[in-house]
N, C-alpha and C. Protein backbone atom coordinates (compact mmCIF):
# COMPACT_ATOMS: atom_id res chain seq x y z
N UNK A 1 119.67 55.46 85.53
CA UNK A 1 118.38 55.01 85.04
C UNK A 1 117.68 54.13 86.08
N UNK A 2 118.47 53.38 86.81
CA UNK A 2 117.87 52.52 87.84
C UNK A 2 117.30 53.36 88.98
N UNK A 3 117.87 54.55 89.18
CA UNK A 3 117.34 55.43 90.22
C UNK A 3 115.91 55.85 89.89
N UNK A 4 115.66 56.15 88.61
CA UNK A 4 114.30 56.52 88.20
C UNK A 4 113.34 55.34 88.36
N UNK A 5 113.81 54.15 88.05
CA UNK A 5 112.96 52.97 88.20
C UNK A 5 112.64 52.72 89.67
N UNK A 6 113.63 52.86 90.54
CA UNK A 6 113.39 52.68 91.98
C UNK A 6 112.42 53.73 92.50
N UNK A 7 112.59 54.97 92.04
CA UNK A 7 111.69 56.04 92.45
C UNK A 7 110.26 55.75 92.00
N UNK A 8 110.11 55.24 90.80
CA UNK A 8 108.79 54.92 90.26
C UNK A 8 108.14 53.80 91.08
N UNK A 9 108.93 52.81 91.48
CA UNK A 9 108.38 51.71 92.27
C UNK A 9 107.96 52.17 93.66
N UNK A 10 108.70 53.10 94.22
CA UNK A 10 108.39 53.56 95.57
C UNK A 10 107.19 54.50 95.59
N UNK A 11 107.08 55.41 94.61
CA UNK A 11 106.04 56.44 94.64
C UNK A 11 104.82 56.08 93.81
N UNK A 12 104.97 55.23 92.88
CA UNK A 12 103.86 54.91 92.00
C UNK A 12 103.81 55.91 90.86
N UNK A 13 102.89 55.70 89.98
CA UNK A 13 102.82 56.54 88.77
C UNK A 13 102.41 57.97 89.10
N UNK A 14 101.47 58.15 90.03
CA UNK A 14 101.01 59.50 90.38
C UNK A 14 102.13 60.29 91.04
N UNK A 15 102.87 59.70 91.92
CA UNK A 15 103.98 60.38 92.56
C UNK A 15 105.08 60.71 91.58
N UNK A 16 105.35 59.76 90.68
CA UNK A 16 106.38 59.99 89.67
C UNK A 16 106.00 61.14 88.75
N UNK A 17 104.72 61.19 88.37
CA UNK A 17 104.24 62.30 87.52
C UNK A 17 104.33 63.62 88.27
N UNK A 18 104.03 63.61 89.56
CA UNK A 18 104.15 64.84 90.36
C UNK A 18 105.60 65.31 90.43
N UNK A 19 106.52 64.37 90.56
CA UNK A 19 107.94 64.75 90.59
C UNK A 19 108.37 65.31 89.25
N UNK A 20 107.94 64.70 88.14
CA UNK A 20 108.26 65.23 86.81
C UNK A 20 107.64 66.61 86.61
N UNK A 21 106.40 66.79 87.11
CA UNK A 21 105.75 68.09 87.01
C UNK A 21 106.54 69.14 87.79
N UNK A 22 106.98 68.79 88.99
CA UNK A 22 107.78 69.72 89.80
C UNK A 22 109.10 70.05 89.12
N UNK A 23 109.72 69.04 88.52
CA UNK A 23 110.97 69.27 87.80
C UNK A 23 110.74 70.21 86.61
N UNK A 24 109.63 70.02 85.92
CA UNK A 24 109.29 70.89 84.78
C UNK A 24 109.07 72.32 85.25
N UNK A 25 108.34 72.49 86.35
CA UNK A 25 108.11 73.84 86.90
C UNK A 25 109.43 74.48 87.30
N UNK A 26 110.30 73.71 87.93
CA UNK A 26 111.61 74.24 88.32
C UNK A 26 112.40 74.70 87.10
N UNK A 27 112.39 73.91 86.04
CA UNK A 27 113.10 74.30 84.81
C UNK A 27 112.48 75.55 84.19
N UNK A 28 111.17 75.64 84.19
CA UNK A 28 110.51 76.84 83.64
C UNK A 28 110.88 78.08 84.44
N UNK A 29 110.94 77.94 85.75
CA UNK A 29 111.31 79.08 86.60
C UNK A 29 112.74 79.52 86.32
N UNK A 30 113.65 78.56 86.17
CA UNK A 30 115.05 78.93 85.90
C UNK A 30 115.20 79.55 84.52
N UNK A 31 114.45 79.05 83.54
CA UNK A 31 114.49 79.65 82.19
C UNK A 31 113.93 81.06 82.23
N UNK A 32 112.85 81.25 82.99
CA UNK A 32 112.24 82.58 83.11
C UNK A 32 113.21 83.56 83.76
N UNK A 33 113.93 83.12 84.77
CA UNK A 33 114.91 83.98 85.45
C UNK A 33 116.03 84.37 84.46
N UNK A 34 116.51 83.39 83.68
CA UNK A 34 117.56 83.69 82.70
C UNK A 34 117.06 84.69 81.65
N UNK A 35 115.82 84.51 81.21
CA UNK A 35 115.26 85.43 80.23
C UNK A 35 115.08 86.82 80.81
N UNK A 36 114.71 86.90 82.07
CA UNK A 36 114.57 88.21 82.72
C UNK A 36 115.90 88.93 82.79
N UNK A 37 116.96 88.19 83.08
CA UNK A 37 118.29 88.80 83.10
C UNK A 37 118.70 89.28 81.72
N UNK A 38 118.39 88.46 80.70
CA UNK A 38 118.70 88.88 79.33
C UNK A 38 117.91 90.12 78.93
N UNK A 39 116.64 90.18 79.35
CA UNK A 39 115.83 91.36 79.04
C UNK A 39 116.38 92.61 79.73
N UNK A 40 116.86 92.45 80.94
CA UNK A 40 117.43 93.59 81.65
C UNK A 40 118.69 94.10 80.93
N UNK A 41 119.51 93.17 80.44
CA UNK A 41 120.69 93.57 79.67
C UNK A 41 120.28 94.29 78.40
N UNK A 42 119.23 93.80 77.75
CA UNK A 42 118.75 94.46 76.53
C UNK A 42 118.22 95.86 76.83
N UNK A 43 117.52 96.02 77.95
CA UNK A 43 117.02 97.34 78.33
C UNK A 43 118.18 98.32 78.52
N UNK A 44 119.25 97.86 79.18
CA UNK A 44 120.40 98.73 79.39
C UNK A 44 121.07 99.08 78.06
N UNK A 45 121.15 98.10 77.16
CA UNK A 45 121.75 98.36 75.85
C UNK A 45 120.92 99.36 75.06
N UNK A 46 119.61 99.22 75.12
CA UNK A 46 118.73 100.15 74.40
C UNK A 46 118.87 101.55 74.99
N UNK A 47 118.98 101.64 76.31
CA UNK A 47 119.15 102.96 76.94
C UNK A 47 120.45 103.61 76.48
N UNK A 48 121.52 102.83 76.39
CA UNK A 48 122.80 103.38 75.92
C UNK A 48 122.68 103.83 74.47
N UNK A 49 122.00 103.04 73.65
CA UNK A 49 121.84 103.40 72.24
C UNK A 49 121.01 104.67 72.10
N UNK A 50 119.98 104.83 72.95
CA UNK A 50 119.18 106.04 72.91
C UNK A 50 120.03 107.27 73.23
N UNK A 51 120.89 107.16 74.21
CA UNK A 51 121.73 108.31 74.56
C UNK A 51 122.71 108.63 73.43
N UNK A 52 123.25 107.60 72.78
CA UNK A 52 124.15 107.82 71.65
C UNK A 52 123.39 108.48 70.50
N UNK A 53 122.18 108.00 70.22
CA UNK A 53 121.39 108.59 69.14
C UNK A 53 121.04 110.05 69.44
N UNK A 54 120.72 110.35 70.70
CA UNK A 54 120.44 111.74 71.07
C UNK A 54 121.67 112.62 70.82
N UNK A 55 122.83 112.12 71.19
CA UNK A 55 124.06 112.89 70.97
C UNK A 55 124.30 113.12 69.48
N UNK A 56 124.11 112.06 68.68
CA UNK A 56 124.31 112.19 67.24
C UNK A 56 123.31 113.16 66.62
N UNK A 57 122.08 113.14 67.11
CA UNK A 57 121.07 114.04 66.58
C UNK A 57 121.45 115.49 66.89
N UNK A 58 121.94 115.75 68.10
CA UNK A 58 122.36 117.10 68.45
C UNK A 58 123.53 117.55 67.59
N UNK A 59 124.47 116.65 67.32
CA UNK A 59 125.61 116.99 66.46
C UNK A 59 125.12 117.32 65.05
N UNK A 60 124.18 116.52 64.52
CA UNK A 60 123.66 116.77 63.18
C UNK A 60 122.94 118.11 63.11
N UNK A 61 122.18 118.44 64.13
CA UNK A 61 121.47 119.72 64.14
C UNK A 61 122.48 120.87 64.14
N UNK A 62 123.54 120.74 64.92
CA UNK A 62 124.57 121.78 64.94
C UNK A 62 125.25 121.92 63.58
N UNK A 63 125.52 120.78 62.92
CA UNK A 63 126.15 120.84 61.60
C UNK A 63 125.23 121.50 60.58
N UNK A 64 123.95 121.18 60.63
CA UNK A 64 122.99 121.79 59.70
C UNK A 64 122.90 123.29 59.95
N UNK A 65 122.85 123.70 61.22
CA UNK A 65 122.82 125.14 61.53
C UNK A 65 124.06 125.84 61.03
N UNK A 66 125.21 125.20 61.20
CA UNK A 66 126.46 125.80 60.73
C UNK A 66 126.45 125.93 59.21
N UNK A 67 125.96 124.91 58.55
CA UNK A 67 125.88 124.96 57.08
C UNK A 67 124.93 126.08 56.63
N UNK A 68 123.81 126.22 57.32
CA UNK A 68 122.86 127.28 56.97
C UNK A 68 123.46 128.66 57.19
N UNK A 69 124.22 128.84 58.27
CA UNK A 69 124.87 130.14 58.50
C UNK A 69 125.88 130.42 57.40
N UNK A 70 126.58 129.39 56.94
CA UNK A 70 127.53 129.57 55.84
C UNK A 70 126.83 129.99 54.57
N UNK A 71 125.65 129.43 54.30
CA UNK A 71 124.88 129.83 53.13
C UNK A 71 124.45 131.28 53.23
N UNK A 72 124.04 131.71 54.42
CA UNK A 72 123.62 133.09 54.61
C UNK A 72 124.78 134.05 54.37
N UNK A 73 125.96 133.70 54.86
CA UNK A 73 127.13 134.55 54.66
C UNK A 73 127.50 134.61 53.18
N UNK A 74 127.39 133.47 52.51
CA UNK A 74 127.72 133.43 51.08
C UNK A 74 126.73 134.29 50.28
N UNK A 75 125.44 134.19 50.62
CA UNK A 75 124.44 135.01 49.94
C UNK A 75 124.70 136.50 50.17
N UNK A 76 125.04 136.86 51.41
CA UNK A 76 125.34 138.27 51.72
C UNK A 76 126.56 138.74 50.93
N UNK A 77 127.58 137.90 50.82
CA UNK A 77 128.78 138.24 50.06
C UNK A 77 128.42 138.53 48.60
N UNK A 78 127.67 137.63 47.97
CA UNK A 78 127.31 137.82 46.57
C UNK A 78 126.36 139.00 46.38
N UNK A 79 125.51 139.25 47.36
CA UNK A 79 124.61 140.40 47.29
C UNK A 79 125.42 141.70 47.33
N UNK A 80 126.44 141.75 48.19
CA UNK A 80 127.30 142.93 48.27
C UNK A 80 128.06 143.13 46.97
N UNK A 81 128.59 142.07 46.40
CA UNK A 81 129.31 142.18 45.13
C UNK A 81 128.37 142.68 44.04
N UNK A 82 127.12 142.14 44.02
CA UNK A 82 126.15 142.57 43.02
C UNK A 82 125.81 144.05 43.20
N UNK A 83 125.64 144.47 44.45
CA UNK A 83 125.35 145.89 44.70
C UNK A 83 126.51 146.77 44.26
N UNK A 84 127.75 146.34 44.56
CA UNK A 84 128.92 147.11 44.16
C UNK A 84 129.03 147.20 42.65
N UNK A 85 128.78 146.09 41.96
CA UNK A 85 128.83 146.11 40.49
C UNK A 85 127.74 147.00 39.91
N UNK A 86 126.55 146.96 40.52
CA UNK A 86 125.47 147.83 40.06
C UNK A 86 125.84 149.29 40.27
N UNK A 87 126.47 149.60 41.40
CA UNK A 87 126.89 150.97 41.67
C UNK A 87 127.92 151.41 40.64
N UNK A 88 128.91 150.56 40.36
CA UNK A 88 129.95 150.90 39.38
C UNK A 88 129.33 151.07 38.00
N UNK A 89 128.42 150.21 37.63
CA UNK A 89 127.77 150.30 36.32
C UNK A 89 126.97 151.59 36.20
N UNK A 90 126.27 151.96 37.29
CA UNK A 90 125.51 153.21 37.27
C UNK A 90 126.43 154.41 37.15
N UNK A 91 127.55 154.39 37.83
CA UNK A 91 128.51 155.50 37.74
C UNK A 91 129.06 155.61 36.34
N UNK A 92 129.39 154.47 35.72
CA UNK A 92 129.95 154.49 34.38
C UNK A 92 128.92 154.95 33.35
N UNK A 93 127.68 154.56 33.53
CA UNK A 93 126.67 154.93 32.54
C UNK A 93 126.25 156.39 32.70
N UNK A 94 126.43 156.97 33.85
CA UNK A 94 126.08 158.37 34.05
C UNK A 94 127.22 159.30 33.69
N UNK A 95 128.32 158.78 33.28
CA UNK A 95 129.45 159.61 32.92
C UNK A 95 130.29 160.02 34.11
N UNK A 96 130.04 159.40 35.23
CA UNK A 96 130.81 159.75 36.41
C UNK A 96 131.94 158.78 36.65
N UNK A 97 132.43 158.24 35.56
CA UNK A 97 133.47 157.24 35.67
C UNK A 97 134.80 157.82 36.05
N UNK A 98 135.73 157.02 36.21
CA UNK A 98 137.09 157.44 36.59
C UNK A 98 137.78 157.99 35.36
N UNK A 99 138.47 159.15 35.47
CA UNK A 99 139.15 159.78 34.33
C UNK A 99 140.58 159.96 34.58
């Protein structure tokens, strides 16, 4: 504390205020640098998350396509069974059944 008092006596109030102003500017610059580094880390994290989300989206699209193909196969299966049953019913009603 005595160092600040000696500095004030040697420089006067204007010099002391200039030194405090310089110290404030120095602190602001160091805080800005730290924030810039934090922002850069955040940018890298966001980029990684974007790539993960893209991968997940591609996986979901593939799963949906696979599910849709399964539905198409199931519909074709039931359509074939329905056609076969209609054919058998027509044969039975026309008297062309198995004897």
